[in-house]
Amino acid sequence: MPPMLSSELYLARMLIYIPISTLVHGAFAGYSGITVGICNSHYVYLPIPEVISSTRRVDPDSRMWHRCLTSTGQPDFL
């Protein structure tokens, strides 16, 4: 069964509107230097210095990375 317009609109709202509105609410509350992330299925404010404090690496041979390439249609240059 193909997705209906209502389900597409719901998904767009969940992926775009809620994180942006959460970030705007944080800015109006006086927070700065934050980003929005999901923790235990709740949107939370995360301090940007904490988010970028450690370097994370992706294993180019991992199943997760190949799924990412497949789902986005990107070529595997490695």
C-alpha atoms as a PDB file:
ATOM      1  CA  MET A   1       0.000   0.000   0.000  1.00  0.00           C
ATOM      2  CA  PRO A   2       1.556   3.331  -1.020  1.00  0.00           C
ATOM      3  CA  PRO A   3       1.921   6.044   1.627  1.00  0.00           C
ATOM      4  CA  MET A   4      -0.973   8.456   1.879  1.00  0.00           C
ATOM      5  CA  LEU A   5      -0.535  12.212   1.847  1.00  0.00           C
ATOM      6  CA  SER A   6      -1.548  12.401   5.501  1.00  0.00           C
ATOM      7  CA  SER A   7       1.233  10.015   6.528  1.00  0.00           C
ATOM      8  CA  GLU A   8       3.753  11.966   4.450  1.00  0.00           C
ATOM      9  CA  LEU A   9       2.662  15.220   6.081  1.00  0.00           C
ATOM     10  CA  TYR A  10       2.886  13.625   9.517  1.00  0.00           C
ATOM     11  CA  LEU A  11       6.404  12.392   8.790  1.00  0.00           C
ATOM     12  CA  ALA A  12       7.455  15.811   7.477  1.00  0.00           C
ATOM     13  CA  ARG A  13       6.095  17.406  10.647  1.00  0.00           C
ATOM     14  CA  MET A  14       7.962  14.949  12.853  1.00  0.00           C
ATOM     15  CA  LEU A  15      11.273  15.344  11.010  1.00  0.00           C
ATOM     16  CA  ILE A  16      11.248  19.075  10.292  1.00  0.00           C
ATOM     17  CA  TYR A  17       8.731  21.098  12.272  1.00  0.00           C
ATOM     18  CA  ILE A  18       9.225  19.687  15.774  1.00  0.00           C
ATOM     19  CA  PRO A  19      13.057  19.993  15.923  1.00  0.00           C
ATOM     20  CA  ILE A  20      12.931  23.523  14.502  1.00  0.00           C
ATOM     21  CA  SER A  21      10.163  24.653  16.839  1.00  0.00           C
ATOM     22  CA  THR A  22      12.004  23.096  19.793  1.00  0.00           C
ATOM     23  CA  LEU A  23      15.140  25.026  18.853  1.00  0.00           C
ATOM     24  CA  VAL A  24      13.153  28.264  18.506  1.00  0.00           C
ATOM     25  CA  HIS A  25      11.580  27.704  21.930  1.00  0.00           C
ATOM     26  CA  GLY A  26      15.072  27.271  23.363  1.00  0.00           C
ATOM     27  CA  ALA A  27      16.238  30.513  21.753  1.00  0.00           C
ATOM     28  CA  PHE A  28      13.219  32.408  23.100  1.00  0.00           C
ATOM     29  CA  ALA A  29      13.942  30.948  26.535  1.00  0.00           C
ATOM     30  CA  GLY A  30      17.367  32.584  26.381  1.00  0.00           C
ATOM     31  CA  TYR A  31      19.513  29.547  25.632  1.00  0.00           C
ATOM     32  CA  SER A  32      22.428  29.925  23.248  1.00  0.00           C
ATOM     33  CA  GLY A  33      25.023  27.465  22.038  1.00  0.00           C
ATOM     34  CA  ILE A  34      22.528  24.607  21.889  1.00  0.00           C
ATOM     35  CA  THR A  35      21.242  22.155  19.354  1.00  0.00           C
ATOM     36  CA  VAL A  36      18.294  19.778  19.472  1.00  0.00           C
ATOM     37  CA  GLY A  37      18.594  16.011  19.636  1.00  0.00           C
ATOM     38  CA  ILE A  38      16.504  12.981  20.519  1.00  0.00           C
ATOM     39  CA  CYS A  39      17.142  11.174  23.786  1.00  0.00           C
ATOM     40  CA  ASN A  40      14.821   8.315  24.812  1.00  0.00           C
ATOM     41  CA  SER A  41      12.264   9.468  22.195  1.00  0.00           C
ATOM     42  CA  HIS A  42      12.144  13.021  23.642  1.00  0.00           C
ATOM     43  CA  TYR A  43      13.544  16.139  22.013  1.00  0.00           C
ATOM     44  CA  VAL A  44      16.182  17.659  24.289  1.00  0.00           C
ATOM     45  CA  TYR A  45      18.566  20.617  24.250  1.00  0.00           C
ATOM     46  CA  LEU A  46      22.200  19.604  23.854  1.00  0.00           C
ATOM     47  CA  PRO A  47      25.119  21.994  24.409  1.00  0.00           C
ATOM     48  CA  ILE A  48      27.080  22.307  21.174  1.00  0.00           C
ATOM     49  CA  PRO A  49      30.524  22.102  22.877  1.00  0.00           C
ATOM     50  CA  GLU A  50      29.500  18.777  24.429  1.00  0.00           C
ATOM     51  CA  VAL A  51      28.257  17.439  21.091  1.00  0.00           C
ATOM     52  CA  ILE A  52      31.501  18.253  19.269  1.00  0.00           C
ATOM     53  CA  SER A  53      33.898  17.472  22.135  1.00  0.00           C
ATOM     54  CA  SER A  54      34.866  14.035  20.858  1.00  0.00           C
ATOM     55  CA  THR A  55      35.581  12.816  17.367  1.00  0.00           C
ATOM     56  CA  ARG A  56      33.449   9.953  16.140  1.00  0.00           C
ATOM     57  CA  ARG A  57      34.468   7.725  13.284  1.00  0.00           C
ATOM     58  CA  VAL A  58      32.424   5.562  10.962  1.00  0.00           C
ATOM     59  CA  ASP A  59      33.794   2.200   9.884  1.00  0.00           C
ATOM     60  CA  PRO A  60      33.580   2.308   6.058  1.00  0.00           C
ATOM     61  CA  ASP A  61      33.182  -1.484   5.985  1.00  0.00           C
ATOM     62  CA  SER A  62      30.317  -1.546   8.474  1.00  0.00           C
ATOM     63  CA  ARG A  63      26.808  -2.628   7.634  1.00  0.00           C
ATOM     64  CA  MET A  64      25.427   0.691   8.930  1.00  0.00           C
ATOM     65  CA  TRP A  65      27.586   2.707   6.516  1.00  0.00           C
ATOM     66  CA  HIS A  66      26.599   0.568   3.529  1.00  0.00           C
ATOM     67  CA  ARG A  67      22.930   0.974   4.462  1.00  0.00           C
ATOM     68  CA  CYS A  68      23.461   4.737   4.558  1.00  0.00           C
ATOM     69  CA  LEU A  69      25.067   4.715   1.110  1.00  0.00           C
ATOM     70  CA  THR A  70      22.309   2.528  -0.299  1.00  0.00           C
ATOM     71  CA  SER A  71      19.463   4.586   1.155  1.00  0.00           C
ATOM     72  CA  THR A  72      20.913   7.894  -0.083  1.00  0.00           C
ATOM     73  CA  GLY A  73      22.058   6.594  -3.469  1.00  0.00           C
ATOM     74  CA  GLN A  74      25.652   7.719  -2.938  1.00  0.00           C
ATOM     75  CA  PRO A  75      28.521   5.891  -4.635  1.00  0.00           C
ATOM     76  CA  ASP A  76      31.091   4.055  -2.535  1.00  0.00           C
ATOM     77  CA  PHE A  77      34.330   5.954  -3.233  1.00  0.00           C
ATOM     78  CA  LEU A  78      36.366   4.123  -0.601  1.00  0.00           C
END
